[in-house]
Amino acid sequence: MTSILTADGIPLKDSLRKAERGRRAKAFLLVAPLLLFVLISFVFPIFEMLFRSVDNPVVANNLPLTIEKLEKWDGTNLPDQETFSLVAKELLIARENSKVGKIAARLNFESGGMRSMINKTVRKVRKYKGNDYKKALIQFDKRWGKVVTWKVIKRIGQRYTGVQYLAALDLKVNADNTIGLQSEDRRIYVKIFLRTIWVSVLVTIFCLILAYPVSFLLATLPLRISNLLLIMVLLPFWTSLLVRTTSWIVLLQRNGVVNDILVALNIISEDGRIQMIYNQTGTLVAMTQILLPFMILPLYSVMKTISPSYMRAARSLGASPLTAFVRVYMPQTTPGIGAGCLLVFILSIGYYITPALVGGRSGQLISNFIAYHMKSSLNWGLAAALGTILLVAVLVLYWLYNKIIGIDKMKLG
């Protein structure tokens, strides 16, 4: 069976394959800049965060000989004289390289009080002229004579470790290598995670309650009026987020506009002004207003496609306006509700600026603690672990949303 040839004598099948490869190559070249941008601005930072969450270089890089020696230590009795000598000499070298502060801070994150122990030891070792470092270090600070101190150094000396994830979940490794709870004053992150989820859920619910009637009006009113309302919905996007957030400080403070109006209407007394800022209330109010357009737009886009004839048909068959709305109209808006709730929840769970400005102590979310460890405490490993847990939570939520939407589509099919 002979194959069809082109004018150049090439089999038609091969010519079509060559043309298809050419089209794919051109398509790839067109999207290559976008792929490169996504890799640099999105994929690479995520992998960097994942790496930072397990990377633990401070002690391993600055006390390498001590950590190597501790790897052979059985952990029952105190290390030998050589180990004490190595840690003393390497701490002096670290001081010359301005690394002692980082070592002390990293160990202090794992076990409180080790910062003072390291700093005091370095000051006294500088003046020590003898050779019995084991006896000298224990005299400088009694904690050098405890096995648990050396276990902490050995554990934190591992180049890659998961202790940051334990710390992010208010857990720690005990002296007997079992996992237990942090001390009472250090158990903060699980509480903050739960608060973040709770605030995000409330903001999503408030946005849905406020956005649904507005979206319904936008979809059903005459075009001239609905366009004006849509401009008002989009107006906040043209205003700086910082300006909108600071405006709520003016409105909600004890001597602000809202309290003044309530006093003027005799709803509250002058002495009974309500504290609505620098707490969780301020966070909820400001975030709801800022994220409301992200709920309105998905709802509006779905409602606009729903034909009014469905409601008229339900009314003609004897349904009351409320029954027709609840049983005919609302089920058709489910995709908009799901998309809007998912979008608002994901945005609110990672919000930073608004809680930082109006949240006070009780309105801070997990993103504020991530920023604190990135900028102030410089514990980037813990910040990365908190961020990774937050990322996993969002991915799980998105996976559940896809599963639910997939089940609904199968039922409709």
Protein backbone atom coordinates (compact mmCIF):
# COMPACT_ATOMS: atom_id res chain seq x y z
CA MET A 1 0.00 0.00 0.00
CA THR A 2 1.64 3.23 -1.18
CA SER A 3 1.64 6.38 0.97
CA ILE A 4 0.52 9.77 -0.31
CA LEU A 5 3.40 12.10 -1.15
CA THR A 6 3.53 15.88 -0.97
CA ALA A 7 4.85 18.08 -3.81
CA ASP A 8 8.35 17.78 -2.30
CA GLY A 9 8.20 14.00 -2.35
CA ILE A 10 7.79 13.71 1.45
CA PRO A 11 5.12 11.32 2.76
CA LEU A 12 2.02 13.28 3.80
CA LYS A 13 1.96 11.63 7.24
CA ASP A 14 5.53 12.76 8.01
CA SER A 15 4.77 16.26 6.71
CA LEU A 16 1.76 16.57 9.03
CA ARG A 17 3.83 15.41 12.00
CA LYS A 18 6.53 17.96 11.17
CA ALA A 19 3.94 20.74 10.95
CA GLU A 20 2.43 19.71 14.27
CA ARG A 21 5.85 19.76 15.94
CA GLY A 22 6.43 23.23 14.49
CA ARG A 23 3.12 24.49 15.89
CA ARG A 24 3.93 23.06 19.33
CA ALA A 25 7.37 24.68 19.28
CA LYS A 26 5.87 28.07 18.42
CA ALA A 27 3.24 27.69 21.13
CA PHE A 28 5.92 26.82 23.69
CA LEU A 29 8.01 29.86 22.70
CA LEU A 30 4.96 32.08 23.16
CA VAL A 31 4.26 30.83 26.68
CA ALA A 32 7.93 30.45 27.69
CA PRO A 33 8.19 33.98 29.20
CA LEU A 34 5.08 33.32 31.31
CA LEU A 35 6.42 29.94 32.44
CA LEU A 36 9.73 31.55 33.37
CA PHE A 37 7.94 34.27 35.32
CA VAL A 38 5.84 31.67 37.21
CA LEU A 39 8.95 29.62 38.02
CA ILE A 40 10.88 32.62 39.34
CA SER A 41 8.08 34.37 41.22
CA PHE A 42 6.02 31.41 42.44
CA VAL A 43 7.52 27.93 42.17
CA PHE A 44 11.06 28.80 43.27
CA PRO A 45 9.95 30.76 46.39
CA ILE A 46 7.76 27.83 47.46
CA PHE A 47 10.64 25.37 47.13
CA GLU A 48 12.88 27.85 48.94
CA MET A 49 10.36 27.99 51.79
CA LEU A 50 10.11 24.20 51.96
CA PHE A 51 13.90 23.95 52.07
CA ARG A 52 14.22 26.62 54.75
CA SER A 53 11.75 24.79 56.97
CA VAL A 54 14.09 21.80 57.30
CA ASP A 55 17.43 23.53 56.77
CA ASN A 56 19.30 24.02 60.04
CA PRO A 57 22.77 25.37 59.22
CA VAL A 58 23.68 27.68 62.12
CA VAL A 59 25.03 25.20 64.68
CA ALA A 60 26.19 22.63 62.12
CA ASN A 61 28.29 25.20 60.21
CA ASN A 62 29.80 26.94 63.24
CA LEU A 63 30.40 23.95 65.55
CA PRO A 64 31.26 21.26 62.98
CA LEU A 65 33.94 19.41 64.98
CA THR A 66 31.82 19.42 68.14
CA ILE A 67 28.80 18.03 66.27
CA GLU A 68 30.97 15.39 64.58
CA LYS A 69 32.26 14.32 67.97
CA LEU A 70 28.75 14.26 69.46
CA GLU A 71 27.57 11.95 66.67
CA LYS A 72 29.64 9.20 68.34
CA TRP A 73 28.43 10.12 71.83
CA ASP A 74 26.03 7.59 73.41
CA GLY A 75 24.05 10.23 75.33
CA THR A 76 24.19 8.51 78.72
CA ASN A 77 27.06 10.30 80.46
CA LEU A 78 28.71 13.65 79.83
CA PRO A 79 30.92 13.88 76.71
CA ASP A 80 34.67 13.45 77.10
CA GLN A 81 37.30 16.13 77.67
CA GLU A 82 37.99 16.52 73.94
CA THR A 83 34.38 17.46 73.23
CA PHE A 84 34.43 20.16 75.90
CA SER A 85 37.69 21.48 74.48
CA LEU A 86 36.28 21.51 70.93
CA VAL A 87 33.11 23.40 71.85
CA ALA A 88 35.10 26.02 73.78
CA LYS A 89 37.55 26.62 70.91
CA GLU A 90 34.83 26.67 68.25
CA LEU A 91 32.79 29.15 70.26
CA LEU A 92 35.82 31.45 70.38
CA ILE A 93 36.24 31.13 66.61
CA ALA A 94 32.54 31.85 66.16
CA ARG A 95 32.94 34.97 68.32
CA GLU A 96 35.73 36.22 66.06
CA ASN A 97 33.44 35.63 63.07
CA SER A 98 30.48 37.34 64.81
CA LYS A 99 28.47 34.10 64.79
CA VAL A 100 28.06 33.49 68.51
CA GLY A 101 24.84 35.48 68.66
CA LYS A 102 23.26 33.32 65.97
CA ILE A 103 24.36 30.10 67.68
CA ALA A 104 23.01 31.29 71.03
CA ALA A 105 19.72 32.43 69.48
CA ARG A 106 19.20 29.16 67.62
CA LEU A 107 19.84 27.06 70.73
CA ASN A 108 17.66 29.37 72.80
CA PHE A 109 14.71 28.75 70.46
CA GLU A 110 14.96 25.07 71.34
CA SER A 111 15.72 25.41 75.05
CA GLY A 112 15.17 28.62 76.98
CA GLY A 113 18.18 30.05 78.80
CA MET A 114 20.86 28.72 76.46
CA ARG A 115 21.52 32.19 75.04
CA SER A 116 22.78 33.42 78.39
CA MET A 117 24.77 30.21 78.91
CA ILE A 118 26.57 30.55 75.56
CA ASN A 119 27.28 34.28 75.94
CA LYS A 120 28.55 33.89 79.51
CA THR A 121 30.73 30.94 78.52
CA VAL A 122 32.34 32.83 75.62
CA ARG A 123 33.19 35.80 77.85
CA LYS A 124 34.89 33.58 80.44
CA VAL A 125 36.61 31.19 78.00
CA ARG A 126 38.43 34.15 76.45
CA LYS A 127 40.25 34.68 79.76
CA TYR A 128 40.80 31.01 80.57
CA LYS A 129 44.44 29.87 80.33
CA GLY A 130 44.19 26.24 81.46
CA ASN A 131 43.59 23.00 79.53
CA ASP A 132 40.85 21.33 81.58
CA TYR A 133 37.91 22.75 79.62
CA LYS A 134 35.47 20.21 81.01
CA LYS A 135 35.96 21.39 84.56
CA ALA A 136 36.18 25.04 83.48
CA LEU A 137 32.93 25.08 81.45
CA ILE A 138 30.97 23.42 84.25
CA GLN A 139 32.34 26.04 86.65
CA PHE A 140 31.36 28.82 84.24
CA ASP A 141 27.82 27.51 84.02
CA LYS A 142 26.38 24.42 85.71
CA ARG A 143 24.23 23.62 82.67
CA TRP A 144 27.35 22.35 80.86
CA GLY A 145 27.36 19.56 83.43
CA LYS A 146 23.90 18.35 82.39
CA VAL A 147 23.44 15.66 79.76
CA VAL A 148 20.27 17.34 78.47
CA THR A 149 22.30 20.41 77.38
CA TRP A 150 24.52 18.31 75.16
CA LYS A 151 21.54 16.44 73.76
CA VAL A 152 20.04 19.74 72.66
CA ILE A 153 23.32 20.77 70.98
CA LYS A 154 23.54 17.41 69.24
CA ARG A 155 19.94 17.56 68.04
CA ILE A 156 20.13 21.16 66.80
CA GLY A 157 23.48 20.39 65.21
CA GLN A 158 21.80 18.21 62.59
CA ARG A 159 22.01 19.90 59.19
CA TYR A 160 18.45 18.97 58.26
CA THR A 161 15.77 18.52 60.88
CA GLY A 162 12.03 18.64 61.39
CA VAL A 163 12.13 20.33 64.80
CA GLN A 164 10.74 23.54 63.31
CA TYR A 165 7.54 21.72 62.35
CA LEU A 166 7.28 20.40 65.90
CA ALA A 167 7.74 23.93 67.24
CA ALA A 168 5.08 25.21 64.82
CA LEU A 169 2.65 22.68 66.32
CA ASP A 170 3.64 23.52 69.93
CA LEU A 171 5.63 20.29 70.27
CA LYS A 172 9.24 19.53 71.16
CA VAL A 173 11.68 16.65 71.47
CA ASN A 174 12.18 15.67 75.12
CA ALA A 175 15.45 14.61 76.68
CA ASP A 176 14.54 10.93 76.15
CA ASN A 177 13.92 11.63 72.41
CA THR A 178 10.14 11.40 72.80
CA ILE A 179 7.83 14.09 71.42
CA GLY A 180 5.90 16.11 73.96
CA LEU A 181 4.16 19.46 74.42
CA GLN A 182 6.05 22.71 74.77
CA SER A 183 5.93 24.49 78.12
CA GLU A 184 2.73 26.40 78.81
CA ASP A 185 4.17 29.81 77.94
CA ARG A 186 5.38 28.56 74.53
CA ARG A 187 2.13 26.97 73.34
CA ILE A 188 0.93 29.75 71.07
CA TYR A 189 0.96 28.57 67.46
CA VAL A 190 -1.88 26.03 67.53
CA LYS A 191 -4.02 28.67 69.21
CA ILE A 192 -3.06 31.21 66.54
CA PHE A 193 -3.78 28.71 63.74
CA LEU A 194 -7.24 28.06 65.21
CA ARG A 195 -7.85 31.79 65.59
CA THR A 196 -6.79 32.34 61.97
CA ILE A 197 -9.21 29.67 60.73
CA TRP A 198 -12.01 31.02 62.94
CA VAL A 199 -11.53 34.62 61.76
CA SER A 200 -11.33 33.46 58.13
CA VAL A 201 -14.57 31.48 58.48
CA LEU A 202 -16.36 34.44 60.07
CA VAL A 203 -15.11 36.86 57.40
CA THR A 204 -16.27 34.43 54.69
CA ILE A 205 -19.73 34.12 56.27
CA PHE A 206 -20.10 37.88 56.72
CA CYS A 207 -19.00 38.50 53.13
CA LEU A 208 -21.50 35.93 51.84
CA ILE A 209 -24.37 37.45 53.84
CA LEU A 210 -23.57 40.96 52.60
CA ALA A 211 -22.61 40.03 49.03
CA TYR A 212 -25.59 37.84 48.12
CA PRO A 213 -28.28 40.58 48.03
CA VAL A 214 -25.87 43.04 46.39
CA SER A 215 -25.01 40.50 43.67
CA PHE A 216 -28.72 39.75 43.18
CA LEU A 217 -29.43 43.45 42.66
CA LEU A 218 -26.54 43.78 40.23
CA ALA A 219 -27.87 40.83 38.20
CA THR A 220 -31.55 41.84 38.15
CA LEU A 221 -31.68 45.65 38.11
CA PRO A 222 -31.73 47.59 34.81
CA LEU A 223 -28.35 47.89 33.13
CA ARG A 224 -27.95 51.62 33.81
CA ILE A 225 -28.41 51.20 37.58
CA SER A 226 -26.50 47.92 37.84
CA ASN A 227 -23.48 49.46 36.08
CA LEU A 228 -23.46 52.29 38.63
CA LEU A 229 -23.61 49.79 41.50
CA LEU A 230 -20.83 47.73 39.91
CA ILE A 231 -18.61 50.81 39.76
CA MET A 232 -19.23 51.34 43.48
CA VAL A 233 -18.28 47.71 44.14
CA LEU A 234 -15.07 48.07 42.13
CA LEU A 235 -14.18 51.46 43.61
CA PRO A 236 -12.24 49.97 46.58
CA PHE A 237 -9.86 48.26 44.11
CA TRP A 238 -8.76 51.72 43.00
CA THR A 239 -7.96 52.76 46.58
CA SER A 240 -4.80 51.74 48.41
CA LEU A 241 -5.23 48.86 50.84
CA LEU A 242 -3.22 50.79 53.42
CA VAL A 243 -5.53 53.79 53.08
CA ARG A 244 -8.66 51.65 53.49
CA THR A 245 -7.24 49.93 56.56
CA THR A 246 -6.13 53.13 58.29
CA SER A 247 -9.55 54.63 57.51
CA TRP A 248 -11.10 51.96 59.72
CA ILE A 249 -8.82 53.07 62.56
CA VAL A 250 -10.37 56.55 62.28
CA LEU A 251 -13.89 55.13 62.10
CA LEU A 252 -13.71 52.50 64.85
CA GLN A 253 -11.53 54.04 67.56
CA ARG A 254 -13.11 55.05 70.87
CA ASN A 255 -13.26 58.70 69.79
CA GLY A 256 -13.98 57.78 66.18
CA VAL A 257 -16.90 58.41 63.87
CA VAL A 258 -18.90 55.28 64.74
CA ASN A 259 -18.73 55.87 68.50
CA ASP A 260 -19.59 59.56 68.00
CA ILE A 261 -22.72 58.62 66.02
CA LEU A 262 -23.80 56.09 68.66
CA VAL A 263 -23.34 58.70 71.40
CA ALA A 264 -25.22 61.33 69.37
CA LEU A 265 -28.15 58.92 68.92
CA ASN A 266 -28.11 58.14 72.69
CA ILE A 267 -27.53 54.46 71.96
CA ILE A 268 -24.50 54.47 74.25
CA SER A 269 -23.29 56.93 76.87
CA GLU A 270 -20.17 59.04 76.65
CA ASP A 271 -18.47 56.78 79.21
CA GLY A 272 -19.70 53.62 77.46
CA ARG A 273 -17.84 54.08 74.20
CA ILE A 274 -17.10 50.72 72.58
CA GLN A 275 -13.58 49.49 71.93
CA MET A 276 -13.84 48.32 68.31
CA ILE A 277 -10.23 48.67 67.24
CA TYR A 278 -6.98 46.88 68.12
CA ASN A 279 -8.90 43.69 68.81
CA GLN A 280 -10.56 40.87 66.89
CA THR A 281 -13.63 43.00 66.19
CA GLY A 282 -11.54 45.50 64.25
CA THR A 283 -9.95 42.69 62.26
CA LEU A 284 -13.33 41.20 61.34
CA VAL A 285 -14.89 44.52 60.31
CA ALA A 286 -11.94 45.74 58.23
CA MET A 287 -11.27 42.40 56.52
CA THR A 288 -14.96 41.92 55.68
CA GLN A 289 -15.14 45.30 53.97
CA ILE A 290 -11.87 44.82 52.11
CA LEU A 291 -12.66 41.28 50.89
CA LEU A 292 -16.33 41.87 50.08
CA PRO A 293 -15.74 42.55 46.34
CA PHE A 294 -14.06 39.16 46.02
CA MET A 295 -17.36 37.57 47.07
CA ILE A 296 -19.61 39.86 45.04
CA LEU A 297 -17.90 39.37 41.67
CA PRO A 298 -18.07 35.52 41.51
CA LEU A 299 -21.69 35.59 42.68
CA TYR A 300 -22.60 38.29 40.16
CA SER A 301 -20.94 36.43 37.29
CA VAL A 302 -23.06 33.33 38.05
CA MET A 303 -26.32 35.17 38.78
CA LYS A 304 -26.05 37.11 35.53
CA THR A 305 -26.33 33.85 33.57
CA ILE A 306 -29.52 32.67 35.37
CA SER A 307 -32.56 33.32 33.22
CA PRO A 308 -35.51 35.15 34.93
CA SER A 309 -37.85 32.71 33.17
CA TYR A 310 -37.03 30.04 35.78
CA MET A 311 -38.51 32.13 38.57
CA ARG A 312 -41.54 33.07 36.45
CA ALA A 313 -42.12 29.40 35.64
CA ALA A 314 -41.99 28.46 39.32
CA ARG A 315 -44.45 31.26 40.18
CA SER A 316 -46.82 30.15 37.41
CA LEU A 317 -46.81 26.63 38.88
CA GLY A 318 -48.03 27.93 42.23
CA ALA A 319 -44.80 28.54 44.17
CA SER A 320 -44.62 31.56 46.46
CA PRO A 321 -41.89 34.16 45.76
CA LEU A 322 -39.84 32.87 48.72
CA THR A 323 -40.24 29.21 47.72
CA ALA A 324 -39.33 29.97 44.11
CA PHE A 325 -36.25 31.91 45.23
CA VAL A 326 -35.04 29.27 47.70
CA ARG A 327 -35.80 26.14 45.66
CA VAL A 328 -35.24 27.37 42.11
CA TYR A 329 -32.92 30.38 42.13
CA MET A 330 -30.52 29.72 45.01
CA PRO A 331 -29.43 26.20 43.91
CA GLN A 332 -28.29 27.67 40.59
CA THR A 333 -26.01 30.13 42.42
CA THR A 334 -24.11 27.35 44.22
CA PRO A 335 -21.04 27.57 41.91
CA GLY A 336 -20.77 31.30 42.64
CA ILE A 337 -21.16 30.72 46.37
CA GLY A 338 -18.46 28.03 46.32
CA ALA A 339 -16.02 30.10 44.24
CA GLY A 340 -16.59 33.25 46.30
CA CYS A 341 -16.26 31.48 49.65
CA LEU A 342 -13.10 29.68 48.54
CA LEU A 343 -11.54 32.89 47.25
CA VAL A 344 -12.37 34.96 50.34
CA PHE A 345 -11.32 32.21 52.77
CA ILE A 346 -7.95 31.66 51.06
CA LEU A 347 -7.26 35.40 50.94
CA SER A 348 -8.25 35.95 54.57
CA ILE A 349 -6.31 32.99 55.96
CA GLY A 350 -3.07 34.56 54.78
CA TYR A 351 -3.93 38.22 55.38
CA TYR A 352 -1.21 40.33 56.97
CA ILE A 353 -1.53 44.13 56.68
CA THR A 354 -5.05 44.56 58.06
CA PRO A 355 -4.61 42.39 61.21
CA ALA A 356 -1.23 44.03 61.81
CA LEU A 357 -2.74 47.53 61.79
CA VAL A 358 -6.16 47.05 63.40
CA GLY A 359 -5.91 43.66 65.12
CA GLY A 360 -3.98 44.52 68.26
CA ARG A 361 -2.97 41.56 70.40
CA SER A 362 -6.16 39.51 70.12
CA GLY A 363 -6.64 40.11 66.39
CA GLN A 364 -3.24 38.93 65.14
CA LEU A 365 -3.26 36.03 62.67
CA ILE A 366 -0.61 33.46 61.80
CA SER A 367 0.72 35.61 58.96
CA ASN A 368 1.73 38.27 61.49
CA PHE A 369 3.81 35.71 63.42
CA ILE A 370 5.43 34.52 60.19
CA ALA A 371 6.41 38.13 59.46
CA TYR A 372 7.70 38.52 63.03
CA HIS A 373 10.04 35.55 62.71
CA MET A 374 11.20 36.74 59.29
CA LYS A 375 11.97 40.33 60.33
CA SER A 376 12.51 40.43 64.09
CA SER A 377 13.49 37.10 65.62
CA LEU A 378 15.23 36.00 62.37
CA ASN A 379 14.10 32.42 62.94
CA TRP A 380 13.51 31.81 59.24
CA GLY A 381 13.18 28.07 59.73
CA LEU A 382 10.19 28.45 62.04
CA ALA A 383 8.67 31.09 59.75
CA ALA A 384 9.05 28.71 56.79
CA ALA A 385 7.51 25.82 58.78
CA LEU A 386 4.51 27.98 59.72
CA GLY A 387 4.16 29.07 56.11
CA THR A 388 4.37 25.50 54.85
CA ILE A 389 1.65 24.34 57.26
CA LEU A 390 -0.52 27.24 56.08
CA LEU A 391 0.15 26.29 52.44
CA VAL A 392 -0.78 22.65 53.08
CA ALA A 393 -4.01 23.75 54.80
CA VAL A 394 -4.97 25.86 51.78
CA LEU A 395 -4.15 23.03 49.35
CA VAL A 396 -6.25 20.59 51.39
CA LEU A 397 -9.13 23.07 51.35
CA TYR A 398 -8.82 23.49 47.58
CA TRP A 399 -8.70 19.70 47.12
CA LEU A 400 -11.87 19.28 49.19
CA TYR A 401 -13.56 22.02 47.18
CA ASN A 402 -12.67 20.26 43.93
CA LYS A 403 -13.96 16.94 45.28
CA ILE A 404 -17.27 18.50 46.36
CA ILE A 405 -17.69 20.31 43.03
CA GLY A 406 -16.86 17.08 41.19
CA ILE A 407 -19.49 15.15 43.16
CA ASP A 408 -22.09 17.86 42.46
CA LYS A 409 -21.33 17.75 38.73
CA MET A 410 -21.71 13.96 38.70
CA LYS A 411 -25.10 14.27 40.43
CA LEU A 412 -26.23 16.90 37.93
CA GLY A 413 -25.04 14.72 35.08
